[in-house]
Structure formats: C-alpha cells, structure tokens
C-alpha cells in the first residue's frame, strides 16, 4: 500500500481516532430537585452580579492597579494594561 491509497488510509485512521476520542455519549440526567435549596442571593444582588460591566468601571479598575506590583497569573503587571 502506498501513494494515494496510503494517504487515504492514514486520513481514515486519523478521523476514526478523533471521532472515538471526542465522541459524546448521550446520557439521561435525572431532574434536579431544587425546591429544598435555599435562595441565598436576592434578586437585586443577582441582577447586579449578572449585569454588563461598563467601560468606565473597567478603566477605573485597571488604573487602580499598582504599576510596579508583581504580575498576575497572566504574567503582566499593571503598567502593561495602563500602557495598552
């Protein structure tokens, strides 16, 4: 086996492999019974936590970062964000 026939076989093997790896098995999930779960967040608090963030708020937070402080998990310190 060689040439085009071999390439077709390799392609089929690759497709088969990734179909097996990423195959989603459909499972029935039992319904959640949340009647007994207490509500700990008020409607007002929930609305505030899920609202869109305004550009002004982002700018205020970025400019409150210490320019020479240790970098965050992304590796950048406050100065990077203020300059960009």
N, C-alpha and C. Protein backbone atom coordinates (compact mmCIF):
# COMPACT_ATOMS: atom_id res chain seq x y z
N UNK A 1 0.86 -1.17 0.00
CA UNK A 1 0.00 0.00 0.00
C UNK A 1 0.91 1.23 0.00
N UNK A 2 0.63 2.16 -0.88
CA UNK A 2 1.44 3.35 -0.94
C UNK A 2 0.72 4.43 -1.70
N UNK A 3 1.37 5.58 -1.84
CA UNK A 3 0.82 6.67 -2.61
C UNK A 3 -0.50 7.16 -2.07
N UNK A 4 -1.41 7.39 -3.00
CA UNK A 4 -2.72 7.94 -2.65
C UNK A 4 -3.52 6.99 -1.75
N UNK A 5 -3.41 5.72 -2.00
CA UNK A 5 -4.13 4.72 -1.19
C UNK A 5 -3.66 4.78 0.27
N UNK A 6 -2.37 4.94 0.47
CA UNK A 6 -1.82 5.04 1.82
C UNK A 6 -2.27 6.31 2.51
N UNK A 7 -2.35 7.41 1.78
CA UNK A 7 -2.80 8.68 2.36
C UNK A 7 -4.26 8.59 2.79
N UNK A 8 -5.05 7.92 1.96
CA UNK A 8 -6.47 7.75 2.30
C UNK A 8 -6.59 6.92 3.58
N UNK A 9 -5.80 5.88 3.71
CA UNK A 9 -5.85 5.03 4.91
C UNK A 9 -5.42 5.81 6.15
N UNK A 10 -4.38 6.64 6.02
CA UNK A 10 -3.92 7.46 7.14
C UNK A 10 -5.02 8.43 7.54
N UNK A 11 -5.64 9.07 6.56
CA UNK A 11 -6.72 10.03 6.85
C UNK A 11 -7.88 9.34 7.56
N UNK A 12 -8.24 8.15 7.10
CA UNK A 12 -9.33 7.41 7.73
C UNK A 12 -8.97 7.04 9.17
N UNK A 13 -7.74 6.64 9.40
CA UNK A 13 -7.29 6.29 10.76
C UNK A 13 -7.33 7.50 11.69
N UNK A 14 -6.90 8.65 11.18
CA UNK A 14 -6.91 9.87 11.99
C UNK A 14 -8.36 10.24 12.34
N UNK A 15 -9.25 10.21 11.35
CA UNK A 15 -10.65 10.52 11.60
C UNK A 15 -11.27 9.56 12.61
N UNK A 16 -11.01 8.29 12.46
CA UNK A 16 -11.54 7.29 13.39
C UNK A 16 -11.03 7.55 14.80
N UNK A 17 -9.74 7.84 14.92
CA UNK A 17 -9.16 8.09 16.24
C UNK A 17 -9.85 9.27 16.92
N UNK A 18 -9.95 10.41 16.22
CA UNK A 18 -10.52 11.60 16.85
C UNK A 18 -12.03 11.49 17.05
N UNK A 19 -12.71 10.76 16.20
CA UNK A 19 -14.14 10.52 16.45
C UNK A 19 -14.31 9.73 17.74
N UNK A 20 -13.44 8.76 17.98
CA UNK A 20 -13.51 7.97 19.21
C UNK A 20 -13.14 8.80 20.43
N UNK A 21 -12.15 9.67 20.29
CA UNK A 21 -11.70 10.50 21.41
C UNK A 21 -12.77 11.52 21.80
N UNK A 22 -13.38 12.16 20.81
CA UNK A 22 -14.31 13.26 21.10
C UNK A 22 -15.78 12.88 20.96
N UNK A 23 -16.05 11.60 20.94
CA UNK A 23 -17.43 11.14 20.83
C UNK A 23 -18.17 11.46 22.13
N UNK A 24 -19.31 12.12 21.97
CA UNK A 24 -20.11 12.46 23.15
C UNK A 24 -21.19 11.41 23.33
N UNK A 25 -21.15 10.76 24.45
CA UNK A 25 -22.15 9.76 24.76
C UNK A 25 -23.35 10.46 25.40
N UNK A 26 -24.51 10.21 24.87
CA UNK A 26 -25.72 10.85 25.39
C UNK A 26 -26.20 10.06 26.61
N UNK A 27 -26.34 10.79 27.70
CA UNK A 27 -26.79 10.17 28.95
C UNK A 27 -27.99 10.94 29.47
N UNK A 28 -28.91 10.23 30.02
CA UNK A 28 -30.06 10.89 30.64
C UNK A 28 -29.64 11.35 32.04
N UNK A 29 -29.90 12.60 32.29
CA UNK A 29 -29.55 13.18 33.59
C UNK A 29 -30.84 13.29 34.40
N UNK A 30 -30.83 12.79 35.62
CA UNK A 30 -32.05 12.90 36.42
C UNK A 30 -32.37 14.38 36.68
N UNK A 31 -33.63 14.70 36.76
CA UNK A 31 -34.00 16.11 37.00
C UNK A 31 -33.50 16.58 38.36
N UNK A 32 -33.16 17.86 38.42
CA UNK A 32 -32.71 18.45 39.68
C UNK A 32 -33.93 18.85 40.51
N UNK A 33 -33.85 18.55 41.76
CA UNK A 33 -34.93 18.93 42.68
C UNK A 33 -34.39 20.06 43.55
N UNK A 34 -34.66 21.29 43.11
CA UNK A 34 -34.10 22.44 43.81
C UNK A 34 -35.09 23.09 44.77
N UNK A 35 -36.21 22.44 44.95
CA UNK A 35 -37.23 23.01 45.85
C UNK A 35 -36.70 23.20 47.27
N UNK A 36 -35.77 22.35 47.69
CA UNK A 36 -35.26 22.41 49.05
C UNK A 36 -33.97 23.22 49.18
N UNK A 37 -33.53 23.81 48.09
CA UNK A 37 -32.30 24.62 48.12
C UNK A 37 -32.68 26.06 48.47
N UNK A 38 -32.11 26.58 49.54
CA UNK A 38 -32.48 27.95 49.93
C UNK A 38 -31.91 28.99 48.97
N UNK A 39 -32.65 30.05 48.77
CA UNK A 39 -32.19 31.17 47.94
C UNK A 39 -31.34 32.08 48.82
N UNK A 40 -30.04 32.18 48.51
CA UNK A 40 -29.14 32.97 49.34
C UNK A 40 -28.79 34.32 48.72
N UNK A 41 -29.20 34.53 47.46
CA UNK A 41 -28.89 35.78 46.77
C UNK A 41 -30.20 36.46 46.41
N UNK A 42 -30.32 37.72 46.78
CA UNK A 42 -31.55 38.44 46.47
C UNK A 42 -31.62 38.74 44.97
N UNK A 43 -32.79 39.07 44.49
CA UNK A 43 -32.95 39.40 43.08
C UNK A 43 -32.11 40.62 42.70
N UNK A 44 -32.03 41.61 43.59
CA UNK A 44 -31.22 42.81 43.31
C UNK A 44 -29.73 42.46 43.21
N UNK A 45 -29.26 41.64 44.15
CA UNK A 45 -27.85 41.24 44.12
C UNK A 45 -27.56 40.42 42.87
N UNK A 46 -28.45 39.52 42.52
CA UNK A 46 -28.27 38.71 41.32
C UNK A 46 -28.23 39.59 40.07
N UNK A 47 -29.11 40.56 39.99
CA UNK A 47 -29.13 41.48 38.84
C UNK A 47 -27.82 42.25 38.76
N UNK A 48 -27.29 42.67 39.91
CA UNK A 48 -26.02 43.40 39.92
C UNK A 48 -24.85 42.51 39.52
N UNK A 49 -24.85 41.25 39.95
CA UNK A 49 -23.76 40.33 39.62
C UNK A 49 -23.77 39.89 38.16
N UNK A 50 -24.91 39.93 37.52
CA UNK A 50 -25.01 39.43 36.15
C UNK A 50 -25.14 40.54 35.11
N UNK A 51 -25.11 41.78 35.53
CA UNK A 51 -25.23 42.88 34.57
C UNK A 51 -23.94 43.05 33.77
N UNK A 52 -24.05 43.76 32.65
CA UNK A 52 -22.87 44.05 31.85
C UNK A 52 -21.99 45.06 32.57
N UNK A 53 -20.69 44.90 32.44
CA UNK A 53 -19.74 45.81 33.07
C UNK A 53 -19.53 46.99 32.12
N UNK A 54 -19.53 48.18 32.68
CA UNK A 54 -19.35 49.39 31.86
C UNK A 54 -17.86 49.64 31.62
N UNK A 55 -17.55 50.24 30.48
CA UNK A 55 -16.16 50.57 30.14
C UNK A 55 -15.52 51.43 31.23
N UNK A 56 -16.28 52.34 31.80
CA UNK A 56 -15.77 53.22 32.85
C UNK A 56 -15.29 52.40 34.06
N UNK A 57 -16.05 51.38 34.42
CA UNK A 57 -15.68 50.53 35.55
C UNK A 57 -14.38 49.78 35.27
N UNK A 58 -14.24 49.27 34.06
CA UNK A 58 -13.01 48.56 33.68
C UNK A 58 -11.82 49.50 33.76
N UNK A 59 -11.98 50.70 33.22
CA UNK A 59 -10.88 51.68 33.23
C UNK A 59 -10.49 52.04 34.67
N UNK A 60 -11.49 52.22 35.54
CA UNK A 60 -11.19 52.56 36.94
C UNK A 60 -10.39 51.45 37.62
N UNK A 61 -10.76 50.20 37.37
CA UNK A 61 -10.06 49.08 37.99
C UNK A 61 -8.64 48.97 37.44
N UNK A 62 -8.48 49.10 36.13
CA UNK A 62 -7.15 48.98 35.51
C UNK A 62 -6.23 50.07 36.05
N UNK A 63 -6.73 51.29 36.14
CA UNK A 63 -5.86 52.37 36.60
C UNK A 63 -5.66 52.37 38.11
N UNK A 64 -6.38 51.53 38.82
CA UNK A 64 -6.13 51.40 40.26
C UNK A 64 -5.06 50.33 40.53
N UNK A 65 -4.66 49.57 39.50
CA UNK A 65 -3.61 48.56 39.66
C UNK A 65 -2.27 49.23 39.91
N UNK A 66 -1.46 48.67 40.78
CA UNK A 66 -0.12 49.19 41.00
C UNK A 66 0.76 48.90 39.78
N UNK A 67 1.37 49.94 39.23
CA UNK A 67 2.16 49.78 38.01
C UNK A 67 3.36 48.86 38.20
N UNK A 68 3.99 48.90 39.37
CA UNK A 68 5.21 48.12 39.60
C UNK A 68 4.97 46.91 40.51
N UNK A 69 3.72 46.55 40.70
CA UNK A 69 3.41 45.39 41.54
C UNK A 69 3.72 44.11 40.79
N UNK A 70 3.75 43.02 41.51
CA UNK A 70 4.02 41.71 40.89
C UNK A 70 2.98 41.41 39.82
N UNK A 71 3.41 40.74 38.78
CA UNK A 71 2.46 40.41 37.72
C UNK A 71 1.42 39.40 38.21
N UNK A 72 0.28 39.41 37.52
CA UNK A 72 -0.79 38.46 37.83
C UNK A 72 -0.52 37.13 37.16
N UNK A 73 -1.50 36.25 37.18
CA UNK A 73 -1.33 34.91 36.59
C UNK A 73 -1.05 34.96 35.09
N UNK A 74 -1.43 36.07 34.44
CA UNK A 74 -1.16 36.19 33.00
C UNK A 74 0.26 36.68 32.72
N UNK A 75 1.00 37.04 33.76
CA UNK A 75 2.39 37.47 33.59
C UNK A 75 2.56 38.96 33.37
N UNK A 76 1.47 39.71 33.38
CA UNK A 76 1.56 41.15 33.13
C UNK A 76 1.26 41.93 34.41
N UNK A 77 2.01 43.03 34.61
CA UNK A 77 1.73 43.88 35.75
C UNK A 77 0.81 45.03 35.33
N UNK A 78 0.44 45.89 36.27
CA UNK A 78 -0.49 46.98 36.00
C UNK A 78 -0.02 47.93 34.91
N UNK A 79 1.29 48.16 34.83
CA UNK A 79 1.80 49.09 33.83
C UNK A 79 1.47 48.63 32.41
N UNK A 80 1.55 47.33 32.17
CA UNK A 80 1.24 46.81 30.84
C UNK A 80 -0.18 47.20 30.42
N UNK A 81 -1.13 47.03 31.32
CA UNK A 81 -2.52 47.32 30.98
C UNK A 81 -2.76 48.83 30.86
N UNK A 82 -2.06 49.61 31.63
CA UNK A 82 -2.24 51.06 31.54
C UNK A 82 -1.66 51.59 30.24
N UNK A 83 -0.57 51.00 29.77
CA UNK A 83 0.07 51.46 28.54
C UNK A 83 -0.61 50.93 27.28
N UNK A 84 -1.40 49.87 27.43
CA UNK A 84 -2.03 49.28 26.24
C UNK A 84 -3.49 49.49 26.33
